[in-house]
């Protein structure tokens, strides 16, 4: 997992995976010191692409552009 990998946006402004172009993401649990203690300070949360398993960080926002699958 890279700290600098981020989701891209398609021409319509919808978030897509930087590796495979999928728009299906899910939140993953935080693991390790970096994810549990440092990244929350910057309001960054780990997300995973359902198709290719690329994990990246982004802010948690609950609005129309975020994934529909909330747990």
PDB file of N, CA and C in Angstrom:
ATOM      1  N   UNK A   1       0.847  -1.171   0.000  1.00  0.00           N
ATOM      2  CA  UNK A   1       0.000   0.000   0.000  1.00  0.00           C
ATOM      3  C   UNK A   1       0.890   1.231   0.000  1.00  0.00           C
ATOM      4  N   UNK A   2       0.574   2.172  -0.828  1.00  0.00           N
ATOM      5  CA  UNK A   2       1.348   3.401  -0.911  1.00  0.00           C
ATOM      6  C   UNK A   2       0.567   4.550  -0.285  1.00  0.00           C
ATOM      7  N   UNK A   3       1.268   5.416   0.398  1.00  0.00           N
ATOM      8  CA  UNK A   3       0.611   6.594   0.963  1.00  0.00           C
ATOM      9  C   UNK A   3       0.193   7.576  -0.110  1.00  0.00           C
ATOM     10  N   UNK A   4       0.812   7.483  -1.280  1.00  0.00           N
ATOM     11  CA  UNK A   4       0.574   8.469  -2.316  1.00  0.00           C
ATOM     12  C   UNK A   4      -0.368   7.981  -3.407  1.00  0.00           C
ATOM     13  N   UNK A   5      -0.832   6.731  -3.331  1.00  0.00           N
ATOM     14  CA  UNK A   5      -1.784   6.222  -4.307  1.00  0.00           C
ATOM     15  C   UNK A   5      -3.160   6.777  -3.984  1.00  0.00           C
ATOM     16  N   UNK A   6      -3.797   7.357  -4.959  1.00  0.00           N
ATOM     17  CA  UNK A   6      -5.106   7.952  -4.741  1.00  0.00           C
ATOM     18  C   UNK A   6      -6.043   7.540  -5.860  1.00  0.00           C
ATOM     19  N   UNK A   7      -7.316   7.649  -5.598  1.00  0.00           N
ATOM     20  CA  UNK A   7      -8.295   7.375  -6.640  1.00  0.00           C
ATOM     21  C   UNK A   7      -8.235   8.506  -7.664  1.00  0.00           C
ATOM     22  N   UNK A   8      -8.489   8.157  -8.908  1.00  0.00           N
ATOM     23  CA  UNK A   8      -8.555   9.166  -9.965  1.00  0.00           C
ATOM     24  C   UNK A   8     -10.014   9.498 -10.208  1.00  0.00           C
ATOM     25  N   UNK A   9     -10.254  10.415 -11.122  1.00  0.00           N
ATOM     26  CA  UNK A   9     -11.609  10.809 -11.480  1.00  0.00           C
ATOM     27  C   UNK A   9     -11.804  10.596 -12.971  1.00  0.00           C
ATOM     28  N   UNK A  10     -12.997  10.127 -13.355  1.00  0.00           N
ATOM     29  CA  UNK A  10     -13.279   9.986 -14.781  1.00  0.00           C
ATOM     30  C   UNK A  10     -13.774  11.329 -15.329  1.00  0.00           C
ATOM     31  N   UNK A  11     -14.194  11.354 -16.578  1.00  0.00           N
ATOM     32  CA  UNK A  11     -14.613  12.614 -17.215  1.00  0.00           C
ATOM     33  C   UNK A  11     -15.858  13.205 -16.586  1.00  0.00           C
ATOM     34  N   UNK A  12     -16.670  12.372 -15.938  1.00  0.00           N
ATOM     35  CA  UNK A  12     -17.883  12.848 -15.280  1.00  0.00           C
ATOM     36  C   UNK A  12     -17.628  13.299 -13.844  1.00  0.00           C
ATOM     37  N   UNK A  13     -16.389  13.152 -13.370  1.00  0.00           N
ATOM     38  CA  UNK A  13     -16.041  13.559 -12.019  1.00  0.00           C
ATOM     39  C   UNK A  13     -16.250  12.469 -10.982  1.00  0.00           C
ATOM     40  N   UNK A  14     -16.520  11.236 -11.411  1.00  0.00           N
ATOM     41  CA  UNK A  14     -16.721  10.128 -10.496  1.00  0.00           C
ATOM     42  C   UNK A  14     -15.374   9.500 -10.159  1.00  0.00           C
ATOM     43  N   UNK A  15     -15.203   9.121  -8.897  1.00  0.00           N
ATOM     44  CA  UNK A  15     -13.944   8.507  -8.478  1.00  0.00           C
ATOM     45  C   UNK A  15     -13.798   7.123  -9.087  1.00  0.00           C
ATOM     46  N   UNK A  16     -12.578   6.831  -9.585  1.00  0.00           N
ATOM     47  CA  UNK A  16     -12.268   5.521 -10.138  1.00  0.00           C
ATOM     48  C   UNK A  16     -10.905   5.075  -9.609  1.00  0.00           C
ATOM     49  N   UNK A  17     -10.661   3.792  -9.645  1.00  0.00           N
ATOM     50  CA  UNK A  17      -9.403   3.222  -9.182  1.00  0.00           C
ATOM     51  C   UNK A  17      -8.266   3.636 -10.114  1.00  0.00           C
ATOM     52  N   UNK A  18      -7.118   3.962  -9.547  1.00  0.00           N
ATOM     53  CA  UNK A  18      -5.960   4.378 -10.338  1.00  0.00           C
ATOM     54  C   UNK A  18      -5.367   3.222 -11.124  1.00  0.00           C
ATOM     55  N   UNK A  19      -5.582   1.982 -10.681  1.00  0.00           N
ATOM     56  CA  UNK A  19      -4.998   0.829 -11.351  1.00  0.00           C
ATOM     57  C   UNK A  19      -5.925   0.244 -12.418  1.00  0.00           C
ATOM     58  N   UNK A  20      -7.186  -0.063 -12.058  1.00  0.00           N
ATOM     59  CA  UNK A  20      -8.057  -0.803 -12.982  1.00  0.00           C
ATOM     60  C   UNK A  20      -9.212   0.027 -13.540  1.00  0.00           C
ATOM     61  N   UNK A  21      -9.482   1.203 -12.996  1.00  0.00           N
ATOM     62  CA  UNK A  21     -10.553   2.046 -13.496  1.00  0.00           C
ATOM     63  C   UNK A  21     -11.921   1.730 -12.925  1.00  0.00           C
ATOM     64  N   UNK A  22     -11.992   0.833 -11.948  1.00  0.00           N
ATOM     65  CA  UNK A  22     -13.265   0.470 -11.321  1.00  0.00           C
ATOM     66  C   UNK A  22     -13.765   1.603 -10.427  1.00  0.00           C
ATOM     67  N   UNK A  23     -15.068   1.648 -10.214  1.00  0.00           N
ATOM     68  CA  UNK A  23     -15.638   2.638  -9.294  1.00  0.00           C
ATOM     69  C   UNK A  23     -16.188   1.967  -8.039  1.00  0.00           C
ATOM     70  N   UNK A  24     -15.762   0.734  -7.766  1.00  0.00           N
ATOM     71  CA  UNK A  24     -16.240  -0.022  -6.615  1.00  0.00           C
ATOM     72  C   UNK A  24     -15.161  -0.075  -5.538  1.00  0.00           C
ATOM     73  N   UNK A  25     -15.393   0.615  -4.411  1.00  0.00           N
ATOM     74  CA  UNK A  25     -14.462   0.679  -3.302  1.00  0.00           C
ATOM     75  C   UNK A  25     -15.142   0.230  -2.026  1.00  0.00           C
ATOM     76  N   UNK A  26     -14.331  -0.179  -1.057  1.00  0.00           N
ATOM     77  CA  UNK A  26     -14.859  -0.451   0.270  1.00  0.00           C
ATOM     78  C   UNK A  26     -13.831  -0.029   1.302  1.00  0.00           C
ATOM     79  N   UNK A  27     -14.323   0.394   2.468  1.00  0.00           N
ATOM     80  CA  UNK A  27     -13.435   0.754   3.570  1.00  0.00           C
ATOM     81  C   UNK A  27     -12.805  -0.503   4.118  1.00  0.00           C
ATOM     82  N   UNK A  28     -11.562  -0.414   4.528  1.00  0.00           N
ATOM     83  CA  UNK A  28     -10.883  -1.530   5.172  1.00  0.00           C
ATOM     84  C   UNK A  28     -10.462  -1.108   6.574  1.00  0.00           C
ATOM     85  N   UNK A  29     -10.272  -2.073   7.441  1.00  0.00           N
ATOM     86  CA  UNK A  29      -9.861  -1.775   8.805  1.00  0.00           C
ATOM     87  C   UNK A  29      -8.424  -1.266   8.837  1.00  0.00           C
ATOM     88  N   UNK A  30      -8.179  -0.378   9.779  1.00  0.00           N
ATOM     89  CA  UNK A  30      -6.824   0.146   9.949  1.00  0.00           C
ATOM     90  C   UNK A  30      -5.955  -0.905  10.611  1.00  0.00           C
ATOM     91  N   UNK A  31      -4.706  -0.992  10.159  1.00  0.00           N
ATOM     92  CA  UNK A  31      -3.738  -1.932  10.731  1.00  0.00           C
ATOM     93  C   UNK A  31      -2.401  -1.225  10.898  1.00  0.00           C
ATOM     94  N   UNK A  32      -1.701  -1.514  11.953  1.00  0.00           N
ATOM     95  CA  UNK A  32      -0.373  -0.955  12.161  1.00  0.00           C
ATOM     96  C   UNK A  32      -0.396   0.435  12.769  1.00  0.00           C
ATOM     97  N   UNK A  33       0.760   0.872  13.180  1.00  0.00           N
ATOM     98  CA  UNK A  33       0.906   2.162  13.858  1.00  0.00           C
ATOM     99  C   UNK A  33       0.578   3.327  12.924  1.00  0.00           C
ATOM    100  N   UNK A  34       1.047   3.263  11.696  1.00  0.00           N
ATOM    101  CA  UNK A  34       0.800   4.344  10.744  1.00  0.00           C
ATOM    102  C   UNK A  34      -0.698   4.569  10.543  1.00  0.00           C
ATOM    103  N   UNK A  35      -1.428   3.506  10.276  1.00  0.00           N
ATOM    104  CA  UNK A  35      -2.858   3.638   9.995  1.00  0.00           C
ATOM    105  C   UNK A  35      -3.677   3.959  11.239  1.00  0.00           C
ATOM    106  N   UNK A  36      -3.290   3.436  12.400  1.00  0.00           N
ATOM    107  CA  UNK A  36      -4.104   3.636  13.599  1.00  0.00           C
ATOM    108  C   UNK A  36      -3.802   4.916  14.358  1.00  0.00           C
ATOM    109  N   UNK A  37      -2.583   5.445  14.227  1.00  0.00           N
ATOM    110  CA  UNK A  37      -2.221   6.619  15.021  1.00  0.00           C
ATOM    111  C   UNK A  37      -1.858   7.862  14.213  1.00  0.00           C
ATOM    112  N   UNK A  38      -1.289   7.694  13.042  1.00  0.00           N
ATOM    113  CA  UNK A  38      -0.811   8.852  12.276  1.00  0.00           C
ATOM    114  C   UNK A  38      -1.832   9.321  11.245  1.00  0.00           C
ATOM    115  N   UNK A  39      -2.358   8.402  10.428  1.00  0.00           N
ATOM    116  CA  UNK A  39      -3.283   8.794   9.365  1.00  0.00           C
ATOM    117  C   UNK A  39      -4.586   9.415   9.880  1.00  0.00           C
ATOM    118  N   UNK A  40      -5.133   8.996  11.037  1.00  0.00           N
ATOM    119  CA  UNK A  40      -6.335   9.674  11.540  1.00  0.00           C
ATOM    120  C   UNK A  40      -6.109  11.156  11.830  1.00  0.00           C
ATOM    121  N   UNK A  41      -4.887  11.508  12.191  1.00  0.00           N
ATOM    122  CA  UNK A  41      -4.564  12.916  12.441  1.00  0.00           C
ATOM    123  C   UNK A  41      -4.767  13.758  11.178  1.00  0.00           C
ATOM    124  N   UNK A  42      -4.542  13.158  10.011  1.00  0.00           N
ATOM    125  CA  UNK A  42      -4.719  13.833   8.729  1.00  0.00           C
ATOM    126  C   UNK A  42      -6.082  13.547   8.104  1.00  0.00           C
ATOM    127  N   UNK A  43      -6.958  12.875   8.851  1.00  0.00           N
ATOM    128  CA  UNK A  43      -8.315  12.526   8.387  1.00  0.00           C
ATOM    129  C   UNK A  43      -8.289  11.690   7.120  1.00  0.00           C
ATOM    130  N   UNK A  44      -7.351  10.760   7.054  1.00  0.00           N
ATOM    131  CA  UNK A  44      -7.237   9.864   5.908  1.00  0.00           C
ATOM    132  C   UNK A  44      -7.611   8.453   6.340  1.00  0.00           C
ATOM    133  N   UNK A  45      -8.385   7.764   5.516  1.00  0.00           N
ATOM    134  CA  UNK A  45      -8.885   6.434   5.820  1.00  0.00           C
ATOM    135  C   UNK A  45      -8.478   5.461   4.721  1.00  0.00           C
ATOM    136  N   UNK A  46      -8.146   4.213   5.075  1.00  0.00           N
ATOM    137  CA  UNK A  46      -7.788   3.240   4.045  1.00  0.00           C
ATOM    138  C   UNK A  46      -9.026   2.728   3.303  1.00  0.00           C
ATOM    139  N   UNK A  47      -8.943   2.672   1.981  1.00  0.00           N
ATOM    140  CA  UNK A  47      -9.990   2.149   1.108  1.00  0.00           C
ATOM    141  C   UNK A  47      -9.356   1.112   0.200  1.00  0.00           C
ATOM    142  N   UNK A  48     -10.155   0.163  -0.275  1.00  0.00           N
ATOM    143  CA  UNK A  48      -9.659  -0.888  -1.152  1.00  0.00           C
ATOM    144  C   UNK A  48     -10.581  -1.021  -2.350  1.00  0.00           C
ATOM    145  N   UNK A  49      -9.971  -1.165  -3.519  1.00  0.00           N
ATOM    146  CA  UNK A  49     -10.732  -1.423  -4.738  1.00  0.00           C
ATOM    147  C   UNK A  49     -11.220  -2.870  -4.680  1.00  0.00           C
ATOM    148  N   UNK A  50     -12.494  -3.078  -4.927  1.00  0.00           N
ATOM    149  CA  UNK A  50     -13.082  -4.417  -4.872  1.00  0.00           C
ATOM    150  C   UNK A  50     -12.563  -5.295  -6.009  1.00  0.00           C
ATOM    151  N   UNK A  51     -12.224  -4.726  -7.138  1.00  0.00           N
ATOM    152  CA  UNK A  51     -11.806  -5.482  -8.308  1.00  0.00           C
ATOM    153  C   UNK A  51     -10.326  -5.903  -8.237  1.00  0.00           C
ATOM    154  N   UNK A  52      -9.412  -4.955  -8.025  1.00  0.00           N
ATOM    155  CA  UNK A  52      -7.980  -5.273  -8.104  1.00  0.00           C
ATOM    156  C   UNK A  52      -7.257  -5.247  -6.756  1.00  0.00           C
ATOM    157  N   UNK A  53      -7.953  -4.944  -5.678  1.00  0.00           N
ATOM    158  CA  UNK A  53      -7.396  -4.919  -4.320  1.00  0.00           C
ATOM    159  C   UNK A  53      -6.366  -3.831  -4.076  1.00  0.00           C
ATOM    160  N   UNK A  54      -6.305  -2.809  -4.900  1.00  0.00           N
ATOM    161  CA  UNK A  54      -5.422  -1.676  -4.641  1.00  0.00           C
ATOM    162  C   UNK A  54      -5.945  -0.938  -3.411  1.00  0.00           C
ATOM    163  N   UNK A  55      -5.078  -0.701  -2.450  1.00  0.00           N
ATOM    164  CA  UNK A  55      -5.464   0.021  -1.243  1.00  0.00           C
ATOM    165  C   UNK A  55      -4.887   1.424  -1.310  1.00  0.00           C
ATOM    166  N   UNK A  56      -5.701   2.414  -0.940  1.00  0.00           N
ATOM    167  CA  UNK A  56      -5.266   3.804  -0.974  1.00  0.00           C
ATOM    168  C   UNK A  56      -5.955   4.556   0.149  1.00  0.00           C
ATOM    169  N   UNK A  57      -5.542   5.775   0.393  1.00  0.00           N
ATOM    170  CA  UNK A  57      -6.116   6.609   1.439  1.00  0.00           C
ATOM    171  C   UNK A  57      -6.929   7.731   0.816  1.00  0.00           C
ATOM    172  N   UNK A  58      -7.991   8.089   1.498  1.00  0.00           N
ATOM    173  CA  UNK A  58      -8.762   9.272   1.120  1.00  0.00           C
ATOM    174  C   UNK A  58      -9.621   9.672   2.303  1.00  0.00           C
ATOM    175  N   UNK A  59     -10.124  10.884   2.298  1.00  0.00           N
ATOM    176  CA  UNK A  59     -10.985  11.314   3.404  1.00  0.00           C
ATOM    177  C   UNK A  59     -12.301  10.547   3.396  1.00  0.00           C
ATOM    178  N   UNK A  60     -12.890  10.408   4.553  1.00  0.00           N
ATOM    179  CA  UNK A  60     -14.193   9.777   4.662  1.00  0.00           C
ATOM    180  C   UNK A  60     -15.251  10.864   4.503  1.00  0.00           C
ATOM    181  N   UNK A  61     -16.005  10.771   3.432  1.00  0.00           N
ATOM    182  CA  UNK A  61     -17.087  11.735   3.193  1.00  0.00           C
ATOM    183  C   UNK A  61     -18.320  10.953   2.808  1.00  0.00           C
ATOM    184  N   UNK A  62     -19.410  11.265   3.411  1.00  0.00           N
ATOM    185  CA  UNK A  62     -20.654  10.569   3.086  1.00  0.00           C
ATOM    186  C   UNK A  62     -21.535  11.499   2.264  1.00  0.00           C
ATOM    187  N   UNK A  63     -21.318  11.454   0.965  1.00  0.00           N
ATOM    188  CA  UNK A  63     -22.136  12.243   0.065  1.00  0.00           C
ATOM    189  C   UNK A  63     -22.374  11.444  -1.212  1.00  0.00           C
ATOM    190  N   UNK A  64     -22.935  12.038  -2.209  1.00  0.00           N
ATOM    191  CA  UNK A  64     -23.358  11.331  -3.421  1.00  0.00           C
ATOM    192  C   UNK A  64     -22.190  10.708  -4.186  1.00  0.00           C
ATOM    193  N   UNK A  65     -20.976  11.247  -4.078  1.00  0.00           N
ATOM    194  CA  UNK A  65     -19.874  10.728  -4.869  1.00  0.00           C
ATOM    195  C   UNK A  65     -19.155   9.558  -4.192  1.00  0.00           C
ATOM    196  N   UNK A  66     -19.501   9.239  -2.961  1.00  0.00           N
ATOM    197  CA  UNK A  66     -18.858   8.128  -2.262  1.00  0.00           C
ATOM    198  C   UNK A  66     -19.570   6.819  -2.517  1.00  0.00           C
ATOM    199  N   UNK A  67     -18.882   5.719  -2.260  1.00  0.00           N
ATOM    200  CA  UNK A  67     -19.474   4.402  -2.492  1.00  0.00           C
ATOM    201  C   UNK A  67     -20.760   4.189  -1.700  1.00  0.00           C
ATOM    202  N   UNK A  68     -21.646   3.388  -2.251  1.00  0.00           N
ATOM    203  CA  UNK A  68     -22.929   3.137  -1.609  1.00  0.00           C
ATOM    204  C   UNK A  68     -22.825   2.073  -0.513  1.00  0.00           C
ATOM    205  N   UNK A  69     -21.743   1.296  -0.531  1.00  0.00           N
ATOM    206  CA  UNK A  69     -21.614   0.210   0.436  1.00  0.00           C
ATOM    207  C   UNK A  69     -20.985   0.702   1.730  1.00  0.00           C
ATOM    208  N   UNK A  70     -21.797   1.047   2.691  1.00  0.00           N
ATOM    209  CA  UNK A  70     -21.308   1.486   4.004  1.00  0.00           C
ATOM    210  C   UNK A  70     -21.569   0.377   4.997  1.00  0.00           C
ATOM    211  N   UNK A  71     -20.606   0.093   5.825  1.00  0.00           N
ATOM    212  CA  UNK A  71     -20.763  -0.960   6.838  1.00  0.00           C
ATOM    213  C   UNK A  71     -20.814  -0.365   8.205  1.00  0.00           C
TER     214      UNK A  71
END
